[in-house]
N, C-alpha and C. Protein backbone atom coordinates (compact mmCIF):
# COMPACT_ATOMS: atom_id res chain seq x y z
N GLU A 1 4.46 -5.11 79.13
CA GLU A 1 5.82 -5.50 79.45
C GLU A 1 6.09 -6.94 79.01
N ALA A 2 5.14 -7.84 79.26
CA ALA A 2 5.32 -9.23 78.87
C ALA A 2 5.42 -9.36 77.35
N PHE A 3 4.60 -8.61 76.63
CA PHE A 3 4.66 -8.69 75.17
C PHE A 3 5.99 -8.16 74.65
N ALA A 4 6.52 -7.14 75.26
CA ALA A 4 7.83 -6.61 74.86
C ALA A 4 8.91 -7.68 75.06
N GLN A 5 8.84 -8.43 76.15
CA GLN A 5 9.80 -9.50 76.40
C GLN A 5 9.64 -10.62 75.36
N PHE A 6 8.39 -10.90 75.01
CA PHE A 6 8.11 -11.91 73.99
C PHE A 6 8.75 -11.49 72.67
N LEU A 7 8.57 -10.25 72.26
CA LEU A 7 9.17 -9.78 71.01
C LEU A 7 10.69 -9.84 71.06
N THR A 8 11.27 -9.49 72.18
CA THR A 8 12.73 -9.56 72.33
C THR A 8 13.22 -10.99 72.16
N SER A 9 12.51 -11.94 72.75
CA SER A 9 12.92 -13.34 72.63
C SER A 9 12.78 -13.83 71.20
N LYS A 10 11.71 -13.43 70.50
CA LYS A 10 11.52 -13.84 69.11
C LYS A 10 12.63 -13.28 68.23
N GLN A 11 13.04 -12.05 68.48
CA GLN A 11 14.13 -11.44 67.71
C GLN A 11 15.45 -12.17 67.95
N ALA A 12 15.67 -12.59 69.18
CA ALA A 12 16.90 -13.32 69.50
C ALA A 12 16.93 -14.67 68.78
N VAL A 13 15.79 -15.33 68.72
CA VAL A 13 15.71 -16.62 68.02
C VAL A 13 15.97 -16.41 66.54
N ARG A 14 15.35 -15.41 65.96
CA ARG A 14 15.56 -15.14 64.53
C ARG A 14 17.02 -14.83 64.23
N ALA A 15 17.67 -14.09 65.12
CA ALA A 15 19.07 -13.73 64.92
C ALA A 15 19.98 -14.96 65.00
N ALA A 16 19.60 -15.94 65.82
CA ALA A 16 20.43 -17.12 66.02
C ALA A 16 20.16 -18.21 64.98
N TYR A 17 19.05 -18.14 64.28
CA TYR A 17 18.66 -19.18 63.34
C TYR A 17 19.43 -19.02 62.03
N ASP A 18 20.09 -20.07 61.61
CA ASP A 18 20.89 -20.04 60.39
C ASP A 18 20.24 -20.96 59.36
N ILE A 19 19.48 -20.38 58.45
CA ILE A 19 18.73 -21.17 57.46
C ILE A 19 19.66 -21.98 56.57
N LYS A 20 20.81 -21.44 56.25
CA LYS A 20 21.76 -22.17 55.40
C LYS A 20 22.28 -23.41 56.12
N ALA A 21 22.66 -23.26 57.39
CA ALA A 21 23.15 -24.40 58.16
C ALA A 21 22.06 -25.45 58.32
N TYR A 22 20.84 -25.02 58.52
CA TYR A 22 19.75 -25.98 58.65
C TYR A 22 19.53 -26.72 57.33
N GLY A 23 19.59 -26.00 56.21
CA GLY A 23 19.45 -26.64 54.90
C GLY A 23 20.54 -27.67 54.66
N GLU A 24 21.77 -27.35 55.08
CA GLU A 24 22.87 -28.30 54.95
C GLU A 24 22.65 -29.53 55.82
N PHE A 25 22.11 -29.33 57.01
CA PHE A 25 21.78 -30.44 57.90
C PHE A 25 20.74 -31.36 57.25
N VAL A 26 19.71 -30.78 56.69
CA VAL A 26 18.67 -31.58 56.03
C VAL A 26 19.25 -32.33 54.85
N ASP A 27 20.10 -31.68 54.07
CA ASP A 27 20.74 -32.36 52.93
C ASP A 27 21.58 -33.55 53.38
N ARG A 28 22.30 -33.40 54.52
CA ARG A 28 23.09 -34.51 55.05
C ARG A 28 22.19 -35.66 55.50
N MET A 29 21.06 -35.31 56.11
CA MET A 29 20.12 -36.35 56.55
C MET A 29 19.57 -37.12 55.35
N ILE A 30 19.20 -36.40 54.31
CA ILE A 30 18.67 -37.06 53.10
C ILE A 30 19.73 -37.95 52.47
N ALA A 31 20.98 -37.46 52.42
CA ALA A 31 22.06 -38.25 51.84
C ALA A 31 22.36 -39.49 52.67
N THR A 32 22.26 -39.38 53.98
CA THR A 32 22.57 -40.51 54.86
C THR A 32 21.47 -41.57 54.84
N PHE A 33 20.23 -41.14 54.97
CA PHE A 33 19.13 -42.09 55.09
C PHE A 33 18.42 -42.27 53.75
N ASP A 34 19.16 -42.80 52.78
CA ASP A 34 18.62 -43.03 51.44
C ASP A 34 18.09 -44.47 51.35
N ARG A 35 17.65 -44.85 50.17
CA ARG A 35 17.11 -46.20 49.97
C ARG A 35 18.13 -47.28 50.30
N ALA A 36 19.38 -47.04 49.94
CA ALA A 36 20.43 -48.03 50.19
C ALA A 36 20.62 -48.24 51.70
N PHE A 37 20.54 -47.18 52.47
CA PHE A 37 20.66 -47.28 53.92
C PHE A 37 19.62 -48.24 54.49
N PHE A 38 18.37 -48.05 54.07
CA PHE A 38 17.30 -48.89 54.60
C PHE A 38 17.33 -50.29 53.99
N ALA A 39 17.73 -50.41 52.73
CA ALA A 39 17.82 -51.73 52.10
C ALA A 39 18.88 -52.58 52.81
N ALA A 40 19.98 -51.97 53.22
CA ALA A 40 21.04 -52.70 53.90
C ALA A 40 20.60 -53.19 55.27
N ARG A 41 19.56 -52.60 55.81
CA ARG A 41 19.08 -52.96 57.15
C ARG A 41 17.77 -53.74 57.12
N MET A 42 17.33 -54.13 55.96
CA MET A 42 16.09 -54.89 55.82
C MET A 42 16.19 -56.18 56.63
N GLY A 43 15.18 -56.45 57.42
CA GLY A 43 15.16 -57.66 58.24
C GLY A 43 15.76 -57.48 59.61
N PHE A 44 16.33 -56.33 59.91
CA PHE A 44 16.85 -56.08 61.25
C PHE A 44 15.68 -56.04 62.23
N GLY A 45 15.95 -56.26 63.47
CA GLY A 45 14.91 -56.14 64.48
C GLY A 45 14.40 -57.50 64.92
N ASP A 46 13.38 -57.47 65.71
CA ASP A 46 12.79 -58.66 66.28
C ASP A 46 11.50 -58.97 65.53
N GLY A 47 11.40 -60.14 64.96
CA GLY A 47 10.25 -60.51 64.15
C GLY A 47 9.04 -60.99 64.93
N THR A 48 9.05 -60.85 66.23
CA THR A 48 7.95 -61.34 67.05
C THR A 48 6.66 -60.56 66.77
N GLU A 49 5.54 -61.22 66.98
CA GLU A 49 4.25 -60.56 66.87
C GLU A 49 3.64 -60.29 68.24
N LEU A 50 4.45 -60.45 69.29
CA LEU A 50 3.97 -60.13 70.63
C LEU A 50 3.73 -58.63 70.74
N PRO A 51 2.77 -58.23 71.57
CA PRO A 51 2.49 -56.79 71.69
C PRO A 51 3.65 -56.05 72.34
N ALA A 52 3.78 -54.81 71.95
CA ALA A 52 4.77 -53.91 72.56
C ALA A 52 4.01 -52.77 73.21
N PHE A 53 4.40 -52.40 74.39
CA PHE A 53 3.74 -51.33 75.12
C PHE A 53 4.68 -50.13 75.20
N VAL A 54 4.16 -48.97 74.86
CA VAL A 54 4.91 -47.72 75.00
C VAL A 54 4.41 -47.09 76.29
N VAL A 55 5.29 -47.01 77.28
CA VAL A 55 4.91 -46.52 78.60
C VAL A 55 5.83 -45.36 78.98
N GLY A 56 5.25 -44.31 79.54
CA GLY A 56 6.07 -43.19 79.97
C GLY A 56 5.28 -42.22 80.81
N MET A 57 5.98 -41.25 81.29
CA MET A 57 5.36 -40.19 82.09
C MET A 57 4.66 -39.20 81.16
N PRO A 58 3.70 -38.44 81.68
CA PRO A 58 3.04 -37.42 80.86
C PRO A 58 4.06 -36.43 80.27
N ARG A 59 3.79 -35.99 79.07
CA ARG A 59 4.63 -35.01 78.36
C ARG A 59 6.02 -35.54 78.05
N SER A 60 6.17 -36.87 77.92
CA SER A 60 7.49 -37.45 77.66
C SER A 60 7.65 -37.91 76.21
N GLY A 61 6.61 -37.75 75.39
CA GLY A 61 6.70 -38.14 73.99
C GLY A 61 6.07 -39.47 73.67
N THR A 62 5.45 -40.11 74.65
CA THR A 62 4.87 -41.43 74.40
C THR A 62 3.69 -41.37 73.44
N THR A 63 2.88 -40.33 73.51
CA THR A 63 1.74 -40.21 72.60
C THR A 63 2.23 -40.03 71.17
N LEU A 64 3.23 -39.20 70.98
CA LEU A 64 3.80 -39.00 69.64
C LEU A 64 4.40 -40.31 69.13
N THR A 65 5.11 -41.02 69.99
CA THR A 65 5.71 -42.30 69.60
C THR A 65 4.62 -43.28 69.16
N GLU A 66 3.56 -43.34 69.93
CA GLU A 66 2.45 -44.25 69.58
C GLU A 66 1.83 -43.86 68.25
N GLN A 67 1.65 -42.58 68.00
CA GLN A 67 1.06 -42.13 66.74
C GLN A 67 1.96 -42.45 65.56
N ILE A 68 3.26 -42.29 65.73
CA ILE A 68 4.20 -42.61 64.64
C ILE A 68 4.16 -44.10 64.35
N LEU A 69 4.22 -44.91 65.40
CA LEU A 69 4.17 -46.36 65.21
C LEU A 69 2.85 -46.79 64.57
N ALA A 70 1.75 -46.21 65.03
CA ALA A 70 0.43 -46.61 64.54
C ALA A 70 0.19 -46.17 63.10
N SER A 71 1.04 -45.31 62.56
CA SER A 71 0.88 -44.93 61.16
C SER A 71 1.28 -46.06 60.21
N HIS A 72 1.95 -47.08 60.75
CA HIS A 72 2.31 -48.26 59.95
C HIS A 72 1.07 -49.14 59.82
N PRO A 73 0.81 -49.69 58.64
CA PRO A 73 -0.42 -50.48 58.46
C PRO A 73 -0.50 -51.75 59.28
N LEU A 74 0.61 -52.27 59.76
CA LEU A 74 0.59 -53.50 60.55
C LEU A 74 0.59 -53.25 62.05
N ILE A 75 0.48 -51.98 62.45
CA ILE A 75 0.50 -51.64 63.87
C ILE A 75 -0.80 -50.96 64.25
N HIS A 76 -1.34 -51.36 65.37
CA HIS A 76 -2.58 -50.75 65.87
C HIS A 76 -2.27 -50.04 67.19
N GLY A 77 -2.56 -48.76 67.22
CA GLY A 77 -2.39 -48.00 68.45
C GLY A 77 -3.70 -47.98 69.22
N THR A 78 -3.62 -48.21 70.51
CA THR A 78 -4.85 -48.25 71.31
C THR A 78 -5.14 -46.93 71.99
N GLY A 79 -4.26 -45.94 71.82
CA GLY A 79 -4.47 -44.67 72.48
C GLY A 79 -3.96 -44.69 73.91
N GLU A 80 -4.20 -43.62 74.59
CA GLU A 80 -3.72 -43.51 75.96
C GLU A 80 -4.58 -44.33 76.90
N ARG A 81 -3.92 -44.98 77.83
CA ARG A 81 -4.61 -45.79 78.83
C ARG A 81 -4.29 -45.24 80.20
N THR A 82 -5.24 -45.30 81.10
CA THR A 82 -5.01 -44.81 82.46
C THR A 82 -4.97 -45.95 83.49
N ASP A 83 -5.15 -47.17 83.01
CA ASP A 83 -5.26 -48.29 83.95
C ASP A 83 -3.95 -49.04 84.19
N PHE A 84 -2.84 -48.49 83.80
CA PHE A 84 -1.56 -49.17 84.03
C PHE A 84 -0.94 -48.67 85.31
């Protein structure tokens, strides 16, 4: 019975998914966030070298945020800490 419900839910998702609309969304994102977009914003932000801490509740996206930030060569991620 549970597997039948799972299949029903998967079919509903497939029926609601519009690949064309998603492709158009991606095209708009690419057109918006081009080189000129980022060049116009070069130097924005805070130039401090003080540490920044990503803090949040479990399952809130903090680990993903830390991994994305740490992918930059000038940022070091220390991983999850339990002592805060």
